[in-house]
Amino acid sequence: MQKKMPAISKQVIKKIIKKYVKAKITDDGAEAIAALLEKKAKEISKYAVKSAASEKRNRIIKKDISSYVLKEGD
């Protein structure tokens, strides 16, 4: 059975790590970060959908994402 690949590519993660941390990362390390980011994005998206719905909107806006950050304190 193949493992599910995260929607965020390893190459994108490697570029981010190289740019901001000035370090190299293995493929497995990049996949792990991508999986964590995808999980967090899913969590934020669910919150944003609820936030938009509470204001009777069908579209997520920046405020919905920002309110998650304030709620979670991240």
Protein backbone atom coordinates (compact mmCIF):
# COMPACT_ATOMS: atom_id res chain seq x y z
CA MET A 1 0.00 0.00 0.00
CA GLN A 2 1.33 3.43 -0.94
CA LYS A 3 1.39 6.17 1.64
CA LYS A 4 -0.63 9.27 0.86
CA MET A 5 1.48 12.19 -0.31
CA PRO A 6 0.73 15.58 1.22
CA ALA A 7 -0.75 18.24 -1.06
CA ILE A 8 2.24 20.48 -0.30
CA SER A 9 5.24 19.26 -2.25
CA LYS A 10 8.57 18.29 -0.71
CA GLN A 11 10.27 20.76 -3.04
CA VAL A 12 8.26 23.67 -1.66
CA ILE A 13 9.15 22.67 1.90
CA LYS A 14 12.82 22.32 0.98
CA LYS A 15 12.83 25.81 -0.58
CA ILE A 16 11.20 27.33 2.52
CA ILE A 17 13.65 25.60 4.86
CA LYS A 18 16.61 26.66 2.73
CA LYS A 19 15.39 30.27 2.49
CA TYR A 20 14.45 30.89 6.12
CA VAL A 21 16.53 28.43 8.13
CA LYS A 22 19.52 28.05 5.81
CA ALA A 23 19.54 24.29 6.35
CA LYS A 24 19.13 21.17 4.28
CA ILE A 25 16.33 18.72 4.93
CA THR A 26 15.80 15.12 3.86
CA ASP A 27 12.86 14.01 1.75
CA ASP A 28 11.36 12.29 4.80
CA GLY A 29 11.75 15.45 6.87
CA ALA A 30 10.12 17.56 4.16
CA GLU A 31 7.24 15.07 3.90
CA ALA A 32 6.74 15.20 7.67
CA ILE A 33 6.57 19.00 7.69
CA ALA A 34 4.22 18.97 4.67
CA ALA A 35 1.91 16.52 6.44
CA LEU A 36 1.82 18.69 9.58
CA LEU A 37 1.13 21.83 7.55
CA GLU A 38 -1.62 20.08 5.63
CA LYS A 39 -3.23 18.95 8.91
CA LYS A 40 -3.07 22.50 10.30
CA ALA A 41 -4.47 23.94 7.05
CA LYS A 42 -7.41 21.52 7.26
CA GLU A 43 -8.07 22.61 10.86
CA ILE A 44 -7.90 26.31 9.95
CA SER A 45 -10.13 25.76 6.91
CA LYS A 46 -12.83 24.05 8.96
CA TYR A 47 -12.77 26.91 11.46
CA ALA A 48 -12.89 29.50 8.66
CA VAL A 49 -15.90 27.82 7.05
CA LYS A 50 -17.76 27.94 10.37
CA SER A 51 -16.76 31.56 10.87
CA ALA A 52 -18.01 32.54 7.41
CA ALA A 53 -21.24 30.60 7.91
CA SER A 54 -21.88 32.35 11.22
CA GLU A 55 -21.92 35.61 9.26
CA LYS A 56 -24.07 34.08 6.51
CA ARG A 57 -21.28 34.08 3.93
CA ASN A 58 -20.35 31.30 1.53
CA ARG A 59 -16.84 32.60 0.97
CA ILE A 60 -13.94 32.55 3.42
CA ILE A 61 -12.22 35.91 3.86
CA LYS A 62 -9.03 37.01 5.56
CA LYS A 63 -10.94 37.87 8.73
CA ASP A 64 -12.02 34.24 9.12
CA ILE A 65 -8.40 33.08 9.05
CA SER A 66 -7.24 35.90 11.33
CA SER A 67 -9.91 35.06 13.88
CA TYR A 68 -8.57 31.50 14.04
CA VAL A 69 -5.08 32.77 14.77
CA LEU A 70 -6.44 35.00 17.55
CA LYS A 71 -8.54 32.14 18.93
CA GLU A 72 -5.66 29.66 18.93
CA GLY A 73 -2.95 32.13 19.88
CA ASP A 74 -0.56 30.81 17.24
